[in-house]
Amino acid sequence: MKYIKYILTGMLLGIVLVKSEAISWYRIFEMFRFESFHMYGIIGSAVLTGILLIQLSKKYGVKTYNGAPITIKPKERSKYRYLIGGSIFGLGWALTGACPGPIFTLIGTGLFSMIIVLISAVVGTFVYGLLKNKLPH
């Protein structure tokens, strides 16, 4: 019962993703062909919301539920890191029609071929974990 809030939050996210058409392969295809602003609007509003919430949490000293301060460590800047990682992520997104977040929502809507994508994502994450120390960061 203590996990019910997470289940309900996930269900709400799934409903929002379906109703906003953010999981639609056709909307994603339009985005990659620069034919529609729909997905850019969704992604842009999510980025702006994230920026706003991070700035507000810094300003008001928001703490975790345990009372610890929230800290965000600065990341090392490397244009190649983001170029290569973003290209791999974008290629996977374009080929499958889904970024990692909505995979479960797509399976929940009955698109069972996404189970292959889910398995591939898990295997890819496992392989990255094995190779992480050997990769340039």
C-alpha atoms as a PDB file:
ATOM      1  CA  MET A   1       0.000   0.000   0.000  1.00  0.00           C
ATOM      2  CA  LYS A   2       2.907   2.393   0.560  1.00  0.00           C
ATOM      3  CA  TYR A   3       3.678   2.350  -3.187  1.00  0.00           C
ATOM      4  CA  ILE A   4       0.159   3.301  -4.288  1.00  0.00           C
ATOM      5  CA  LYS A   5       1.146   6.963  -4.738  1.00  0.00           C
ATOM      6  CA  TYR A   6       3.844   5.916  -7.221  1.00  0.00           C
ATOM      7  CA  ILE A   7       1.436   3.693  -9.130  1.00  0.00           C
ATOM      8  CA  LEU A   8      -1.139   6.497  -9.289  1.00  0.00           C
ATOM      9  CA  THR A   9       1.513   9.011 -10.394  1.00  0.00           C
ATOM     10  CA  GLY A  10       2.639   6.630 -13.140  1.00  0.00           C
ATOM     11  CA  MET A  11      -0.934   6.124 -14.279  1.00  0.00           C
ATOM     12  CA  LEU A  12      -1.483   9.892 -14.381  1.00  0.00           C
ATOM     13  CA  LEU A  13       1.702  10.345 -16.409  1.00  0.00           C
ATOM     14  CA  GLY A  14       0.568   7.625 -18.811  1.00  0.00           C
ATOM     15  CA  ILE A  15      -2.810   9.318 -19.295  1.00  0.00           C
ATOM     16  CA  VAL A  16      -1.128  12.679 -19.939  1.00  0.00           C
ATOM     17  CA  LEU A  17       1.291  11.113 -22.444  1.00  0.00           C
ATOM     18  CA  VAL A  18      -1.537   9.396 -24.331  1.00  0.00           C
ATOM     19  CA  LYS A  19      -3.898  12.390 -24.332  1.00  0.00           C
ATOM     20  CA  SER A  20      -1.176  14.845 -25.391  1.00  0.00           C
ATOM     21  CA  GLU A  21      -0.151  12.451 -28.200  1.00  0.00           C
ATOM     22  CA  ALA A  22       3.439  12.554 -26.920  1.00  0.00           C
ATOM     23  CA  ILE A  23       3.686   8.786 -27.468  1.00  0.00           C
ATOM     24  CA  SER A  24       2.318   8.901 -31.005  1.00  0.00           C
ATOM     25  CA  TRP A  25       4.781   7.559 -33.541  1.00  0.00           C
ATOM     26  CA  TYR A  26       3.295   9.937 -36.114  1.00  0.00           C
ATOM     27  CA  ARG A  27       3.934  12.974 -33.868  1.00  0.00           C
ATOM     28  CA  ILE A  28       7.521  11.842 -33.292  1.00  0.00           C
ATOM     29  CA  PHE A  29       7.978  11.280 -37.036  1.00  0.00           C
ATOM     30  CA  GLU A  30       6.651  14.815 -37.690  1.00  0.00           C
ATOM     31  CA  MET A  31       9.102  16.201 -35.156  1.00  0.00           C
ATOM     32  CA  PHE A  32      12.146  14.545 -36.720  1.00  0.00           C
ATOM     33  CA  ARG A  33      11.052  15.804 -40.146  1.00  0.00           C
ATOM     34  CA  PHE A  34      10.488  19.332 -38.766  1.00  0.00           C
ATOM     35  CA  GLU A  35       6.879  19.254 -39.984  1.00  0.00           C
ATOM     36  CA  SER A  36       5.123  20.107 -36.714  1.00  0.00           C
ATOM     37  CA  PHE A  37       5.729  22.147 -33.568  1.00  0.00           C
ATOM     38  CA  HIS A  38       3.642  19.792 -31.376  1.00  0.00           C
ATOM     39  CA  MET A  39       6.461  17.724 -29.843  1.00  0.00           C
ATOM     40  CA  TYR A  40       8.824  20.687 -29.616  1.00  0.00           C
ATOM     41  CA  GLY A  41       6.136  22.502 -27.634  1.00  0.00           C
ATOM     42  CA  ILE A  42       5.768  19.576 -25.228  1.00  0.00           C
ATOM     43  CA  ILE A  43       9.514  19.151 -24.779  1.00  0.00           C
ATOM     44  CA  GLY A  44      10.096  22.900 -24.503  1.00  0.00           C
ATOM     45  CA  SER A  45       7.406  23.343 -21.859  1.00  0.00           C
ATOM     46  CA  ALA A  46       8.901  20.424 -19.885  1.00  0.00           C
ATOM     47  CA  VAL A  47      12.374  22.008 -20.035  1.00  0.00           C
ATOM     48  CA  LEU A  48      11.035  25.417 -18.956  1.00  0.00           C
ATOM     49  CA  THR A  49       9.059  23.827 -16.120  1.00  0.00           C
ATOM     50  CA  GLY A  50      12.184  21.977 -14.956  1.00  0.00           C
ATOM     51  CA  ILE A  51      14.281  25.146 -15.040  1.00  0.00           C
ATOM     52  CA  LEU A  52      11.634  27.062 -13.105  1.00  0.00           C
ATOM     53  CA  LEU A  53      11.236  24.362 -10.439  1.00  0.00           C
ATOM     54  CA  ILE A  54      15.004  23.988  -9.965  1.00  0.00           C
ATOM     55  CA  GLN A  55      15.444  27.747  -9.576  1.00  0.00           C
ATOM     56  CA  LEU A  56      12.539  27.951  -7.112  1.00  0.00           C
ATOM     57  CA  SER A  57      13.885  25.021  -5.090  1.00  0.00           C
ATOM     58  CA  LYS A  58      17.302  26.717  -4.911  1.00  0.00           C
ATOM     59  CA  LYS A  59      15.776  30.059  -3.929  1.00  0.00           C
ATOM     60  CA  TYR A  60      13.567  28.646  -1.171  1.00  0.00           C
ATOM     61  CA  GLY A  61      15.963  25.935   0.027  1.00  0.00           C
ATOM     62  CA  VAL A  62      13.641  23.015  -0.665  1.00  0.00           C
ATOM     63  CA  LYS A  63      14.720  19.833   1.090  1.00  0.00           C
ATOM     64  CA  THR A  64      14.127  16.145   0.433  1.00  0.00           C
ATOM     65  CA  TYR A  65      11.444  14.288   2.354  1.00  0.00           C
ATOM     66  CA  ASN A  66      14.215  13.191   4.762  1.00  0.00           C
ATOM     67  CA  GLY A  67      15.149  16.828   5.426  1.00  0.00           C
ATOM     68  CA  ALA A  68      18.459  16.753   3.524  1.00  0.00           C
ATOM     69  CA  PRO A  69      19.276  19.713   1.277  1.00  0.00           C
ATOM     70  CA  ILE A  70      18.872  19.158  -2.445  1.00  0.00           C
ATOM     71  CA  THR A  71      22.178  19.646  -4.245  1.00  0.00           C
ATOM     72  CA  ILE A  72      22.854  19.516  -7.949  1.00  0.00           C
ATOM     73  CA  LYS A  73      26.451  18.750  -8.819  1.00  0.00           C
ATOM     74  CA  PRO A  74      27.819  20.621 -11.845  1.00  0.00           C
ATOM     75  CA  LYS A  75      28.606  18.355 -14.772  1.00  0.00           C
ATOM     76  CA  GLU A  76      31.823  18.321 -16.717  1.00  0.00           C
ATOM     77  CA  ARG A  77      31.266  20.067 -20.014  1.00  0.00           C
ATOM     78  CA  SER A  78      32.331  18.217 -23.123  1.00  0.00           C
ATOM     79  CA  LYS A  79      30.762  18.904 -26.500  1.00  0.00           C
ATOM     80  CA  TYR A  80      31.674  15.450 -27.785  1.00  0.00           C
ATOM     81  CA  ARG A  81      30.038  13.736 -24.819  1.00  0.00           C
ATOM     82  CA  TYR A  82      26.697  15.364 -25.538  1.00  0.00           C
ATOM     83  CA  LEU A  83      27.054  15.111 -29.308  1.00  0.00           C
ATOM     84  CA  ILE A  84      27.732  11.376 -29.248  1.00  0.00           C
ATOM     85  CA  GLY A  85      25.237  10.572 -26.471  1.00  0.00           C
ATOM     86  CA  GLY A  86      22.531  12.750 -28.016  1.00  0.00           C
ATOM     87  CA  SER A  87      23.077  11.177 -31.432  1.00  0.00           C
ATOM     88  CA  ILE A  88      22.768   7.655 -30.035  1.00  0.00           C
ATOM     89  CA  PHE A  89      19.668   8.618 -28.035  1.00  0.00           C
ATOM     90  CA  GLY A  90      18.094  10.397 -31.016  1.00  0.00           C
ATOM     91  CA  LEU A  91      18.835   7.496 -33.350  1.00  0.00           C
ATOM     92  CA  GLY A  92      17.220   5.040 -30.956  1.00  0.00           C
ATOM     93  CA  TRP A  93      14.241   7.358 -30.529  1.00  0.00           C
ATOM     94  CA  ALA A  94      13.826   7.762 -34.284  1.00  0.00           C
ATOM     95  CA  LEU A  95      14.136   4.014 -34.959  1.00  0.00           C
ATOM     96  CA  THR A  96      11.762   2.858 -32.237  1.00  0.00           C
ATOM     97  CA  GLY A  97       9.402   5.828 -32.146  1.00  0.00           C
ATOM     98  CA  ALA A  98       9.748   6.093 -28.372  1.00  0.00           C
ATOM     99  CA  CYS A  99      12.102   7.569 -25.841  1.00  0.00           C
ATOM    100  CA  PRO A 100      12.616   5.473 -22.693  1.00  0.00           C
ATOM    101  CA  GLY A 101       9.950   7.163 -20.567  1.00  0.00           C
ATOM    102  CA  PRO A 102       6.837   6.182 -22.542  1.00  0.00           C
ATOM    103  CA  ILE A 103       7.868   2.585 -23.247  1.00  0.00           C
ATOM    104  CA  PHE A 104       5.699   1.285 -20.399  1.00  0.00           C
ATOM    105  CA  THR A 105       2.816   3.513 -21.464  1.00  0.00           C
ATOM    106  CA  LEU A 106       3.017   2.153 -25.009  1.00  0.00           C
ATOM    107  CA  ILE A 107       2.992  -1.415 -23.696  1.00  0.00           C
ATOM    108  CA  GLY A 108       0.023  -0.468 -21.510  1.00  0.00           C
ATOM    109  CA  THR A 109      -1.878   0.799 -24.548  1.00  0.00           C
ATOM    110  CA  GLY A 110      -1.539  -2.619 -26.143  1.00  0.00           C
ATOM    111  CA  LEU A 111       1.463  -2.023 -28.384  1.00  0.00           C
ATOM    112  CA  PHE A 112       3.187  -5.241 -27.341  1.00  0.00           C
ATOM    113  CA  SER A 113       5.974  -4.914 -29.916  1.00  0.00           C
ATOM    114  CA  MET A 114       7.409  -2.320 -27.518  1.00  0.00           C
ATOM    115  CA  ILE A 115       8.411  -5.205 -25.253  1.00  0.00           C
ATOM    116  CA  ILE A 116      11.294  -5.718 -27.705  1.00  0.00           C
ATOM    117  CA  VAL A 117      12.253  -2.068 -27.218  1.00  0.00           C
ATOM    118  CA  LEU A 118      12.045  -2.470 -23.430  1.00  0.00           C
ATOM    119  CA  ILE A 119      14.269  -5.556 -23.488  1.00  0.00           C
ATOM    120  CA  SER A 120      16.730  -3.758 -25.781  1.00  0.00           C
ATOM    121  CA  ALA A 121      16.809  -0.733 -23.434  1.00  0.00           C
ATOM    122  CA  VAL A 122      17.525  -2.964 -20.438  1.00  0.00           C
ATOM    123  CA  VAL A 123      20.266  -4.859 -22.315  1.00  0.00           C
ATOM    124  CA  GLY A 124      21.768  -1.565 -23.535  1.00  0.00           C
ATOM    125  CA  THR A 125      21.802  -0.200 -19.983  1.00  0.00           C
ATOM    126  CA  PHE A 126      23.466  -3.404 -18.754  1.00  0.00           C
ATOM    127  CA  VAL A 127      26.136  -3.247 -21.480  1.00  0.00           C
ATOM    128  CA  TYR A 128      26.789   0.420 -20.674  1.00  0.00           C
ATOM    129  CA  GLY A 129      27.256  -0.539 -17.032  1.00  0.00           C
ATOM    130  CA  LEU A 130      29.853  -3.112 -18.062  1.00  0.00           C
ATOM    131  CA  LEU A 131      31.710  -0.678 -20.346  1.00  0.00           C
ATOM    132  CA  LYS A 132      31.269   2.537 -18.352  1.00  0.00           C
ATOM    133  CA  ASN A 133      34.805   2.637 -16.946  1.00  0.00           C
ATOM    134  CA  LYS A 134      36.319   2.089 -20.396  1.00  0.00           C
ATOM    135  CA  LEU A 135      34.315   4.841 -22.137  1.00  0.00           C
ATOM    136  CA  PRO A 136      35.395   8.480 -22.337  1.00  0.00           C
ATOM    137  CA  HIS A 137      33.355  10.704 -20.034  1.00  0.00           C
END
